[in-house]
PDB file of N, CA and C in Angstrom:
ATOM      1  N   MET A   1      -6.853   9.010 -22.843  1.00  0.00           N
ATOM      2  CA  MET A   1      -6.427   8.049 -21.850  1.00  0.00           C
ATOM      3  C   MET A   1      -5.046   7.524 -22.248  1.00  0.00           C
ATOM      4  N   PRO A   2      -4.035   7.674 -21.367  1.00  0.00           N
ATOM      5  CA  PRO A   2      -2.687   7.202 -21.700  1.00  0.00           C
ATOM      6  C   PRO A   2      -2.645   5.679 -21.830  1.00  0.00           C
ATOM      7  N   ALA A   3      -1.676   5.208 -22.580  1.00  0.00           N
ATOM      8  CA  ALA A   3      -1.489   3.767 -22.759  1.00  0.00           C
ATOM      9  C   ALA A   3      -0.022   3.412 -22.535  1.00  0.00           C
ATOM     10  N   ILE A   4       0.191   2.167 -22.087  1.00  0.00           N
ATOM     11  CA  ILE A   4       1.529   1.634 -21.861  1.00  0.00           C
ATOM     12  C   ILE A   4       1.649   0.357 -22.676  1.00  0.00           C
ATOM     13  N   THR A   5       2.812   0.147 -23.254  1.00  0.00           N
ATOM     14  CA  THR A   5       3.096  -1.129 -23.907  1.00  0.00           C
ATOM     15  C   THR A   5       4.062  -1.893 -23.021  1.00  0.00           C
ATOM     16  N   PHE A   6       3.647  -3.094 -22.625  1.00  0.00           N
ATOM     17  CA  PHE A   6       4.493  -3.993 -21.850  1.00  0.00           C
ATOM     18  C   PHE A   6       5.051  -5.037 -22.813  1.00  0.00           C
ATOM     19  N   VAL A   7       6.357  -5.228 -22.773  1.00  0.00           N
ATOM     20  CA  VAL A   7       7.013  -6.201 -23.644  1.00  0.00           C
ATOM     21  C   VAL A   7       7.483  -7.368 -22.783  1.00  0.00           C
ATOM     22  N   HIS A   8       6.977  -8.557 -23.091  1.00  0.00           N
ATOM     23  CA  HIS A   8       7.336  -9.769 -22.364  1.00  0.00           C
ATOM     24  C   HIS A   8       8.730 -10.237 -22.777  1.00  0.00           C
ATOM     25  N   PRO A   9       9.374 -11.052 -21.949  1.00  0.00           N
ATOM     26  CA  PRO A   9      10.711 -11.547 -22.292  1.00  0.00           C
ATOM     27  C   PRO A   9      10.787 -12.273 -23.636  1.00  0.00           C
ATOM     28  N   ASP A  10       9.676 -12.865 -24.081  1.00  0.00           N
ATOM     29  CA  ASP A  10       9.660 -13.563 -25.376  1.00  0.00           C
ATOM     30  C   ASP A  10       9.434 -12.612 -26.554  1.00  0.00           C
ATOM     31  N   GLY A  11       9.321 -11.312 -26.266  1.00  0.00           N
ATOM     32  CA  GLY A  11       9.131 -10.318 -27.316  1.00  0.00           C
ATOM     33  C   GLY A  11       7.683  -9.952 -27.577  1.00  0.00           C
ATOM     34  N   LYS A  12       6.743 -10.729 -27.063  1.00  0.00           N
ATOM     35  CA  LYS A  12       5.315 -10.424 -27.230  1.00  0.00           C
ATOM     36  C   LYS A  12       5.010  -9.131 -26.480  1.00  0.00           C
ATOM     37  N   SER A  13       4.207  -8.272 -27.074  1.00  0.00           N
ATOM     38  CA  SER A  13       3.863  -7.017 -26.407  1.00  0.00           C
ATOM     39  C   SER A  13       2.362  -6.917 -26.176  1.00  0.00           C
ATOM     40  N   GLU A  14       2.021  -6.231 -25.111  1.00  0.00           N
ATOM     41  CA  GLU A  14       0.616  -5.976 -24.772  1.00  0.00           C
ATOM     42  C   GLU A  14       0.467  -4.494 -24.468  1.00  0.00           C
ATOM     43  N   ARG A  15      -0.526  -3.885 -25.073  1.00  0.00           N
ATOM     44  CA  ARG A  15      -0.814  -2.468 -24.848  1.00  0.00           C
ATOM     45  C   ARG A  15      -2.020  -2.371 -23.925  1.00  0.00           C
ATOM     46  N   VAL A  16      -1.868  -1.611 -22.840  1.00  0.00           N
ATOM     47  CA  VAL A  16      -2.977  -1.428 -21.904  1.00  0.00           C
ATOM     48  C   VAL A  16      -3.240   0.058 -21.712  1.00  0.00           C
ATOM     49  N   GLU A  17      -4.507   0.392 -21.590  1.00  0.00           N
ATOM     50  CA  GLU A  17      -4.887   1.778 -21.325  1.00  0.00           C
ATOM     51  C   GLU A  17      -4.895   2.008 -19.821  1.00  0.00           C
ATOM     52  N   THR A  18      -4.557   3.217 -19.428  1.00  0.00           N
ATOM     53  CA  THR A  18      -4.496   3.569 -18.015  1.00  0.00           C
ATOM     54  C   THR A  18      -5.352   4.797 -17.751  1.00  0.00           C
ATOM     55  N   ALA A  19      -5.685   4.968 -16.505  1.00  0.00           N
ATOM     56  CA  ALA A  19      -6.330   6.204 -16.079  1.00  0.00           C
ATOM     57  C   ALA A  19      -5.212   7.190 -15.746  1.00  0.00           C
ATOM     58  N   ASP A  20      -5.439   8.452 -15.983  1.00  0.00           N
ATOM     59  CA  ASP A  20      -4.430   9.464 -15.676  1.00  0.00           C
ATOM     60  C   ASP A  20      -4.089   9.405 -14.184  1.00  0.00           C
ATOM     61  N   GLY A  21      -2.813   9.256 -13.858  1.00  0.00           N
ATOM     62  CA  GLY A  21      -2.367   9.189 -12.475  1.00  0.00           C
ATOM     63  C   GLY A  21      -2.263   7.778 -11.918  1.00  0.00           C
ATOM     64  N   GLU A  22      -2.810   6.803 -12.627  1.00  0.00           N
ATOM     65  CA  GLU A  22      -2.717   5.409 -12.200  1.00  0.00           C
ATOM     66  C   GLU A  22      -1.269   4.950 -12.361  1.00  0.00           C
ATOM     67  N   SER A  23      -0.817   4.069 -11.471  1.00  0.00           N
ATOM     68  CA  SER A  23       0.546   3.559 -11.630  1.00  0.00           C
ATOM     69  C   SER A  23       0.577   2.516 -12.742  1.00  0.00           C
ATOM     70  N   ALA A  24       1.749   2.345 -13.315  1.00  0.00           N
ATOM     71  CA  ALA A  24       1.913   1.322 -14.350  1.00  0.00           C
ATOM     72  C   ALA A  24       1.589  -0.055 -13.782  1.00  0.00           C
ATOM     73  N   MET A  25       1.926  -0.304 -12.521  1.00  0.00           N
ATOM     74  CA  MET A  25       1.614  -1.576 -11.866  1.00  0.00           C
ATOM     75  C   MET A  25       0.109  -1.762 -11.752  1.00  0.00           C
ATOM     76  N   GLN A  26      -0.617  -0.735 -11.351  1.00  0.00           N
ATOM     77  CA  GLN A  26      -2.075  -0.838 -11.231  1.00  0.00           C
ATOM     78  C   GLN A  26      -2.708  -1.138 -12.585  1.00  0.00           C
ATOM     79  N   ALA A  27      -2.232  -0.483 -13.617  1.00  0.00           N
ATOM     80  CA  ALA A  27      -2.775  -0.731 -14.954  1.00  0.00           C
ATOM     81  C   ALA A  27      -2.510  -2.171 -15.371  1.00  0.00           C
ATOM     82  N   ALA A  28      -1.310  -2.668 -15.105  1.00  0.00           N
ATOM     83  CA  ALA A  28      -0.959  -4.042 -15.479  1.00  0.00           C
ATOM     84  C   ALA A  28      -1.824  -5.053 -14.743  1.00  0.00           C
ATOM     85  N   THR A  29      -1.981  -4.886 -13.444  1.00  0.00           N
ATOM     86  CA  THR A  29      -2.760  -5.860 -12.677  1.00  0.00           C
ATOM     87  C   THR A  29      -4.245  -5.762 -13.004  1.00  0.00           C
ATOM     88  N   ARG A  30      -4.737  -4.557 -13.244  1.00  0.00           N
ATOM     89  CA  ARG A  30      -6.147  -4.391 -13.602  1.00  0.00           C
ATOM     90  C   ARG A  30      -6.477  -5.096 -14.908  1.00  0.00           C
ATOM     91  N   HIS A  31      -5.518  -5.152 -15.811  1.00  0.00           N
ATOM     92  CA  HIS A  31      -5.713  -5.807 -17.101  1.00  0.00           C
ATOM     93  C   HIS A  31      -5.297  -7.281 -17.078  1.00  0.00           C
ATOM     94  N   GLY A  32      -4.897  -7.784 -15.907  1.00  0.00           N
ATOM     95  CA  GLY A  32      -4.523  -9.192 -15.798  1.00  0.00           C
ATOM     96  C   GLY A  32      -3.238  -9.548 -16.524  1.00  0.00           C
ATOM     97  N   LEU A  33      -2.364  -8.586 -16.676  1.00  0.00           N
ATOM     98  CA  LEU A  33      -1.112  -8.803 -17.392  1.00  0.00           C
ATOM     99  C   LEU A  33      -0.188  -9.728 -16.607  1.00  0.00           C
ATOM    100  N   GLY A  34       0.280 -10.781 -17.220  1.00  0.00           N
ATOM    101  CA  GLY A  34       1.253 -11.654 -16.580  1.00  0.00           C
ATOM    102  C   GLY A  34       2.615 -10.980 -16.533  1.00  0.00           C
ATOM    103  N   GLY A  35       3.384 -11.292 -15.513  1.00  0.00           N
ATOM    104  CA  GLY A  35       4.731 -10.725 -15.422  1.00  0.00           C
ATOM    105  C   GLY A  35       4.883  -9.659 -14.367  1.00  0.00           C
ATOM    106  N   ILE A  36       3.779  -9.142 -13.851  1.00  0.00           N
ATOM    107  CA  ILE A  36       3.786  -8.185 -12.749  1.00  0.00           C
ATOM    108  C   ILE A  36       3.049  -8.855 -11.591  1.00  0.00           C
ATOM    109  N   LEU A  37       3.768  -9.192 -10.526  1.00  0.00           N
ATOM    110  CA  LEU A  37       3.128  -9.871  -9.398  1.00  0.00           C
ATOM    111  C   LEU A  37       2.512  -8.892  -8.409  1.00  0.00           C
ATOM    112  N   ALA A  38       3.238  -7.827  -8.083  1.00  0.00           N
ATOM    113  CA  ALA A  38       2.730  -6.787  -7.178  1.00  0.00           C
ATOM    114  C   ALA A  38       2.265  -7.354  -5.845  1.00  0.00           C
ATOM    115  N   GLU A  39       3.108  -8.165  -5.230  1.00  0.00           N
ATOM    116  CA  GLU A  39       2.738  -8.822  -3.976  1.00  0.00           C
ATOM    117  C   GLU A  39       2.381  -7.853  -2.857  1.00  0.00           C
ATOM    118  N   CYS A  40       2.980  -6.678  -2.824  1.00  0.00           N
ATOM    119  CA  CYS A  40       2.689  -5.722  -1.747  1.00  0.00           C
ATOM    120  C   CYS A  40       1.572  -4.752  -2.108  1.00  0.00           C
ATOM    121  N   GLY A  41       0.995  -4.899  -3.294  1.00  0.00           N
ATOM    122  CA  GLY A  41      -0.116  -4.048  -3.687  1.00  0.00           C
ATOM    123  C   GLY A  41       0.270  -2.643  -4.089  1.00  0.00           C
ATOM    124  N   GLY A  42       1.530  -2.429  -4.380  1.00  0.00           N
ATOM    125  CA  GLY A  42       1.966  -1.108  -4.838  1.00  0.00           C
ATOM    126  C   GLY A  42       2.495  -0.211  -3.747  1.00  0.00           C
ATOM    127  N   ASN A  43       2.926  -0.799  -2.641  1.00  0.00           N
ATOM    128  CA  ASN A  43       3.432  -0.011  -1.513  1.00  0.00           C
ATOM    129  C   ASN A  43       4.950   0.111  -1.487  1.00  0.00           C
ATOM    130  N   ALA A  44       5.615  -0.229  -2.575  1.00  0.00           N
ATOM    131  CA  ALA A  44       7.075  -0.145  -2.681  1.00  0.00           C
ATOM    132  C   ALA A  44       7.760  -0.898  -1.550  1.00  0.00           C
ATOM    133  N   MET A  45       7.344  -2.174  -1.384  1.00  0.00           N
ATOM    134  CA  MET A  45       7.918  -2.982  -0.313  1.00  0.00           C
ATOM    135  C   MET A  45       8.415  -4.349  -0.791  1.00  0.00           C
ATOM    136  N   CYS A  46       8.128  -4.745  -2.042  1.00  0.00           N
ATOM    137  CA  CYS A  46       8.446  -6.126  -2.423  1.00  0.00           C
ATOM    138  C   CYS A  46       9.286  -6.263  -3.689  1.00  0.00           C
ATOM    139  N   ALA A  47       9.287  -5.313  -4.554  1.00  0.00           N
ATOM    140  CA  ALA A  47      10.035  -5.334  -5.824  1.00  0.00           C
ATOM    141  C   ALA A  47       9.553  -6.407  -6.804  1.00  0.00           C
ATOM    142  N   THR A  48       8.304  -6.862  -6.675  1.00  0.00           N
ATOM    143  CA  THR A  48       7.775  -7.852  -7.617  1.00  0.00           C
ATOM    144  C   THR A  48       7.003  -7.202  -8.767  1.00  0.00           C
ATOM    145  N   CYS A  49       7.240  -5.927  -8.962  1.00  0.00           N
ATOM    146  CA  CYS A  49       6.678  -5.215 -10.121  1.00  0.00           C
ATOM    147  C   CYS A  49       7.811  -4.556 -10.920  1.00  0.00           C
ATOM    148  N   HIS A  50       8.988  -5.138 -10.805  1.00  0.00           N
ATOM    149  CA  HIS A  50      10.192  -4.663 -11.483  1.00  0.00           C
ATOM    150  C   HIS A  50       9.984  -4.642 -12.997  1.00  0.00           C
ATOM    151  N   VAL A  51      10.405  -3.573 -13.630  1.00  0.00           N
ATOM    152  CA  VAL A  51      10.356  -3.453 -15.089  1.00  0.00           C
ATOM    153  C   VAL A  51      11.636  -2.772 -15.571  1.00  0.00           C
ATOM    154  N   TYR A  52      11.894  -2.926 -16.857  1.00  0.00           N
ATOM    155  CA  TYR A  52      12.976  -2.209 -17.524  1.00  0.00           C
ATOM    156  C   TYR A  52      12.331  -1.167 -18.426  1.00  0.00           C
ATOM    157  N   VAL A  53      12.630   0.080 -18.174  1.00  0.00           N
ATOM    158  CA  VAL A  53      12.055   1.176 -18.959  1.00  0.00           C
ATOM    159  C   VAL A  53      12.812   1.286 -20.279  1.00  0.00           C
ATOM    160  N   ASP A  54      12.077   1.333 -21.376  1.00  0.00           N
ATOM    161  CA  ASP A  54      12.705   1.531 -22.675  1.00  0.00           C
ATOM    162  C   ASP A  54      13.555   2.797 -22.605  1.00  0.00           C
ATOM    163  N   GLU A  55      14.765   2.698 -23.121  1.00  0.00           N
ATOM    164  CA  GLU A  55      15.746   3.792 -23.017  1.00  0.00           C
ATOM    165  C   GLU A  55      15.200   5.145 -23.478  1.00  0.00           C
ATOM    166  N   SER A  56      14.357   5.146 -24.483  1.00  0.00           N
ATOM    167  CA  SER A  56      13.843   6.420 -25.011  1.00  0.00           C
ATOM    168  C   SER A  56      12.888   7.121 -24.040  1.00  0.00           C
ATOM    169  N   TRP A  57      12.445   6.428 -22.992  1.00  0.00           N
ATOM    170  CA  TRP A  57      11.503   6.999 -22.027  1.00  0.00           C
ATOM    171  C   TRP A  57      12.155   7.352 -20.697  1.00  0.00           C
ATOM    172  N   LEU A  58      13.350   6.902 -20.445  1.00  0.00           N
ATOM    173  CA  LEU A  58      13.974   7.076 -19.128  1.00  0.00           C
ATOM    174  C   LEU A  58      14.012   8.519 -18.646  1.00  0.00           C
ATOM    175  N   ALA A  59      14.419   9.422 -19.488  1.00  0.00           N
ATOM    176  CA  ALA A  59      14.571  10.821 -19.083  1.00  0.00           C
ATOM    177  C   ALA A  59      13.236  11.491 -18.768  1.00  0.00           C
ATOM    178  N   ARG A  60      12.138  10.907 -19.194  1.00  0.00           N
ATOM    179  CA  ARG A  60      10.818  11.497 -18.953  1.00  0.00           C
ATOM    180  C   ARG A  60      10.231  11.115 -17.598  1.00  0.00           C
ATOM    181  N   LEU A  61      10.838  10.123 -16.944  1.00  0.00           N
ATOM    182  CA  LEU A  61      10.334   9.682 -15.643  1.00  0.00           C
ATOM    183  C   LEU A  61      10.941  10.501 -14.525  1.00  0.00           C
ATOM    184  N   PRO A  62      10.214  10.635 -13.410  1.00  0.00           N
ATOM    185  CA  PRO A  62      10.796  11.323 -12.262  1.00  0.00           C
ATOM    186  C   PRO A  62      11.968  10.511 -11.706  1.00  0.00           C
ATOM    187  N   ALA A  63      12.817  11.171 -10.963  1.00  0.00           N
ATOM    188  CA  ALA A  63      13.980  10.510 -10.366  1.00  0.00           C
ATOM    189  C   ALA A  63      13.534   9.396  -9.420  1.00  0.00           C
ATOM    190  N   ILE A  64      14.401   8.423  -9.241  1.00  0.00           N
ATOM    191  CA  ILE A  64      14.126   7.319  -8.335  1.00  0.00           C
ATOM    192  C   ILE A  64      14.269   7.794  -6.893  1.00  0.00           C
ATOM    193  N   ALA A  65      13.262   7.488  -6.070  1.00  0.00           N
ATOM    194  CA  ALA A  65      13.318   7.808  -4.643  1.00  0.00           C
ATOM    195  C   ALA A  65      14.237   6.793  -3.954  1.00  0.00           C
ATOM    196  N   ASP A  66      14.727   7.141  -2.780  1.00  0.00           N
ATOM    197  CA  ASP A  66      15.664   6.282  -2.049  1.00  0.00           C
ATOM    198  C   ASP A  66      15.092   4.905  -1.759  1.00  0.00           C
ATOM    199  N   ASP A  67      13.807   4.818  -1.373  1.00  0.00           N
ATOM    200  CA  ASP A  67      13.225   3.513  -1.056  1.00  0.00           C
ATOM    201  C   ASP A  67      13.122   2.628  -2.295  1.00  0.00           C
ATOM    202  N   GLU A  68      12.761   3.212  -3.422  1.00  0.00           N
ATOM    203  CA  GLU A  68      12.713   2.439  -4.666  1.00  0.00           C
ATOM    204  C   GLU A  68      14.114   1.984  -5.055  1.00  0.00           C
ATOM    205  N   ASP A  69      15.076   2.855  -4.933  1.00  0.00           N
ATOM    206  CA  ASP A  69      16.457   2.524  -5.269  1.00  0.00           C
ATOM    207  C   ASP A  69      16.946   1.335  -4.442  1.00  0.00           C
ATOM    208  N   ALA A  70      16.652   1.344  -3.154  1.00  0.00           N
ATOM    209  CA  ALA A  70      17.074   0.250  -2.272  1.00  0.00           C
ATOM    210  C   ALA A  70      16.399  -1.063  -2.660  1.00  0.00           C
ATOM    211  N   LEU A  71      15.126  -1.027  -2.972  1.00  0.00           N
ATOM    212  CA  LEU A  71      14.405  -2.246  -3.358  1.00  0.00           C
ATOM    213  C   LEU A  71      14.925  -2.833  -4.668  1.00  0.00           C
ATOM    214  N   LEU A  72      15.316  -1.976  -5.574  1.00  0.00           N
ATOM    215  CA  LEU A  72      15.816  -2.449  -6.860  1.00  0.00           C
ATOM    216  C   LEU A  72      17.101  -3.268  -6.716  1.00  0.00           C
ATOM    217  N   ASP A  73      17.815  -3.088  -5.623  1.00  0.00           N
ATOM    218  CA  ASP A  73      19.025  -3.880  -5.386  1.00  0.00           C
ATOM    219  C   ASP A  73      18.691  -5.330  -5.059  1.00  0.00           C
ATOM    220  N   GLY A  74      17.433  -5.625  -4.735  1.00  0.00           N
ATOM    221  CA  GLY A  74      17.044  -6.978  -4.363  1.00  0.00           C
ATOM    222  C   GLY A  74      16.086  -7.641  -5.325  1.00  0.00           C
ATOM    223  N   THR A  75      16.046  -7.214  -6.564  1.00  0.00           N
ATOM    224  CA  THR A  75      15.109  -7.804  -7.526  1.00  0.00           C
ATOM    225  C   THR A  75      15.557  -9.204  -7.929  1.00  0.00           C
ATOM    226  N   ALA A  76      14.597 -10.039  -8.310  1.00  0.00           N
ATOM    227  CA  ALA A  76      14.888 -11.414  -8.715  1.00  0.00           C
ATOM    228  C   ALA A  76      15.663 -11.460 -10.028  1.00  0.00           C
ATOM    229  N   SER A  77      15.339 -10.576 -10.951  1.00  0.00           N
ATOM    230  CA  SER A  77      16.084 -10.463 -12.205  1.00  0.00           C
ATOM    231  C   SER A  77      17.093  -9.332 -12.058  1.00  0.00           C
ATOM    232  N   GLU A  78      18.119  -9.399 -12.849  1.00  0.00           N
ATOM    233  CA  GLU A  78      19.219  -8.439 -12.751  1.00  0.00           C
ATOM    234  C   GLU A  78      18.738  -6.986 -12.791  1.00  0.00           C
ATOM    235  N   ARG A  79      19.287  -6.195 -11.878  1.00  0.00           N
ATOM    236  CA  ARG A  79      19.030  -4.756 -11.919  1.00  0.00           C
ATOM    237  C   ARG A  79      19.902  -4.155 -13.012  1.00  0.00           C
ATOM    238  N   LEU A  80      19.279  -3.351 -13.848  1.00  0.00           N
ATOM    239  CA  LEU A  80      19.974  -2.656 -14.919  1.00  0.00           C
ATOM    240  C   LEU A  80      19.812  -1.151 -14.708  1.00  0.00           C
ATOM    241  N   PRO A  81      20.562  -0.327 -15.427  1.00  0.00           N
ATOM    242  CA  PRO A  81      20.422   1.121 -15.276  1.00  0.00           C
ATOM    243  C   PRO A  81      19.010   1.646 -15.561  1.00  0.00           C
ATOM    244  N   ASN A  82      18.225   0.907 -16.337  1.00  0.00           N
ATOM    245  CA  ASN A  82      16.864   1.335 -16.671  1.00  0.00           C
ATOM    246  C   ASN A  82      15.805   0.603 -15.846  1.00  0.00           C
ATOM    247  N   SER A  83      16.212  -0.046 -14.744  1.00  0.00           N
ATOM    248  CA  SER A  83      15.265  -0.736 -13.864  1.00  0.00           C
ATOM    249  C   SER A  83      14.457   0.263 -13.056  1.00  0.00           C
ATOM    250  N   ARG A  84      13.181  -0.023 -12.930  1.00  0.00           N
ATOM    251  CA  ARG A  84      12.275   0.755 -12.074  1.00  0.00           C
ATOM    252  C   ARG A  84      11.227  -0.192 -11.503  1.00  0.00           C
ATOM    253  N   LEU A  85      10.539   0.276 -10.465  1.00  0.00           N
ATOM    254  CA  LEU A  85       9.383  -0.434  -9.940  1.00  0.00           C
ATOM    255  C   LEU A  85       8.158   0.191 -10.591  1.00  0.00           C
ATOM    256  N   SER A  86       7.341  -0.632 -11.217  1.00  0.00           N
ATOM    257  CA  SER A  86       6.188  -0.080 -11.940  1.00  0.00           C
ATOM    258  C   SER A  86       5.164   0.551 -11.011  1.00  0.00           C
ATOM    259  N   CYS A  87       5.185   0.181  -9.725  1.00  0.00           N
ATOM    260  CA  CYS A  87       4.254   0.817  -8.775  1.00  0.00           C
ATOM    261  C   CYS A  87       4.625   2.269  -8.505  1.00  0.00           C
ATOM    262  N   GLN A  88       5.840   2.650  -8.860  1.00  0.00           N
ATOM    263  CA  GLN A  88       6.303   4.008  -8.608  1.00  0.00           C
ATOM    264  C   GLN A  88       6.261   4.891  -9.856  1.00  0.00           C
ATOM    265  N   ILE A  89       5.703   4.367 -10.925  1.00  0.00           N
ATOM    266  CA  ILE A  89       5.576   5.144 -12.169  1.00  0.00           C
ATOM    267  C   ILE A  89       4.125   5.561 -12.332  1.00  0.00           C
ATOM    268  N   ALA A  90       3.837   6.807 -12.008  1.00  0.00           N
ATOM    269  CA  ALA A  90       2.492   7.353 -12.203  1.00  0.00           C
ATOM    270  C   ALA A  90       2.358   7.768 -13.663  1.00  0.00           C
ATOM    271  N   VAL A  91       1.391   7.204 -14.342  1.00  0.00           N
ATOM    272  CA  VAL A  91       1.230   7.455 -15.767  1.00  0.00           C
ATOM    273  C   VAL A  91       0.345   8.676 -15.975  1.00  0.00           C
ATOM    274  N   THR A  92       0.858   9.602 -16.751  1.00  0.00           N
ATOM    275  CA  THR A  92       0.124  10.814 -17.116  1.00  0.00           C
ATOM    276  C   THR A  92       0.087  10.915 -18.635  1.00  0.00           C
ATOM    277  N   SER A  93      -0.595  11.895 -19.137  1.00  0.00           N
ATOM    278  CA  SER A  93      -0.672  12.057 -20.593  1.00  0.00           C
ATOM    279  C   SER A  93       0.711  12.258 -21.213  1.00  0.00           C
ATOM    280  N   GLU A  94       1.656  12.802 -20.443  1.00  0.00           N
ATOM    281  CA  GLU A  94       3.021  12.987 -20.946  1.00  0.00           C
ATOM    282  C   GLU A  94       3.731  11.648 -21.164  1.00  0.00           C
ATOM    283  N   LEU A  95       3.232  10.598 -20.515  1.00  0.00           N
ATOM    284  CA  LEU A  95       3.839   9.276 -20.659  1.00  0.00           C
ATOM    285  C   LEU A  95       3.024   8.355 -21.566  1.00  0.00           C
ATOM    286  N   ASP A  96       2.078   8.920 -22.302  1.00  0.00           N
ATOM    287  CA  ASP A  96       1.288   8.125 -23.235  1.00  0.00           C
ATOM    288  C   ASP A  96       2.225   7.454 -24.240  1.00  0.00           C
ATOM    289  N   GLY A  97       2.149   6.133 -24.329  1.00  0.00           N
ATOM    290  CA  GLY A  97       3.010   5.385 -25.229  1.00  0.00           C
ATOM    291  C   GLY A  97       4.221   4.771 -24.544  1.00  0.00           C
ATOM    292  N   LEU A  98       4.341   4.957 -23.242  1.00  0.00           N
ATOM    293  CA  LEU A  98       5.451   4.411 -22.463  1.00  0.00           C
ATOM    294  C   LEU A  98       5.652   2.929 -22.768  1.00  0.00           C
ATOM    295  N   VAL A  99       6.913   2.527 -22.904  1.00  0.00           N
ATOM    296  CA  VAL A  99       7.246   1.130 -23.172  1.00  0.00           C
ATOM    297  C   VAL A  99       8.036   0.587 -21.989  1.00  0.00           C
ATOM    298  N   LEU A 100       7.507  -0.492 -21.389  1.00  0.00           N
ATOM    299  CA  LEU A 100       8.139  -1.145 -20.249  1.00  0.00           C
ATOM    300  C   LEU A 100       8.395  -2.596 -20.600  1.00  0.00           C
ATOM    301  N   LYS A 101       9.621  -3.038 -20.371  1.00  0.00           N
ATOM    302  CA  LYS A 101       9.988  -4.423 -20.655  1.00  0.00           C
ATOM    303  C   LYS A 101       9.949  -5.212 -19.353  1.00  0.00           C
ATOM    304  N   LEU A 102       9.354  -6.383 -19.416  1.00  0.00           N
ATOM    305  CA  LEU A 102       9.220  -7.237 -18.247  1.00  0.00           C
ATOM    306  C   LEU A 102      10.454  -8.125 -18.097  1.00  0.00           C
ATOM    307  N   PRO A 103      10.912  -8.315 -16.857  1.00  0.00           N
ATOM    308  CA  PRO A 103      12.069  -9.187 -16.644  1.00  0.00           C
ATOM    309  C   PRO A 103      11.686 -10.659 -16.771  1.00  0.00           C
ATOM    310  N   GLU A 104      12.680 -11.518 -16.793  1.00  0.00           N
ATOM    311  CA  GLU A 104      12.452 -12.961 -16.886  1.00  0.00           C
ATOM    312  C   GLU A 104      11.623 -13.482 -15.709  1.00  0.00           C
ATOM    313  N   ARG A 105      11.888 -12.945 -14.511  1.00  0.00           N
ATOM    314  CA  ARG A 105      11.144 -13.414 -13.336  1.00  0.00           C
ATOM    315  C   ARG A 105      11.074 -12.304 -12.306  1.00  0.00           C
ATOM    316  N   GLN A 106      10.071 -12.421 -11.411  1.00  0.00           N
ATOM    317  CA  GLN A 106       9.866 -11.437 -10.349  1.00  0.00           C
ATOM    318  C   GLN A 106      10.243 -12.006  -8.976  1.00  0.00           C
ATOM    319  N   VAL A 107      10.212 -13.320  -8.837  1.00  0.00           N
ATOM    320  CA  VAL A 107      10.577 -13.952  -7.557  1.00  0.00           C
ATOM    321  C   VAL A 107      11.569 -15.067  -7.803  1.00  0.00           C
TER     322      VAL A 107
END
């Protein structure tokens, strides 16, 4: 079972296990992780599941789709080159150990 480490803005980290194919957002909300609001339920419509992907993992993720790219321009915290929406990251065994940093705020 793949796992993701979420790093909070204060540096505290939480490791959560995911089901293969589950989105990083679904795993976070299922585990009650603070910092991911997911107001739209993972439909790529709200950008309240914004995360910063650890640089060492960026190249392993699929390319950003146009709708995700557009939403990232409206995030509450600054968009950075490693910004992604966690609802659009499907976790597979190849992403076991993925590290996602949470922004200061989602809204």
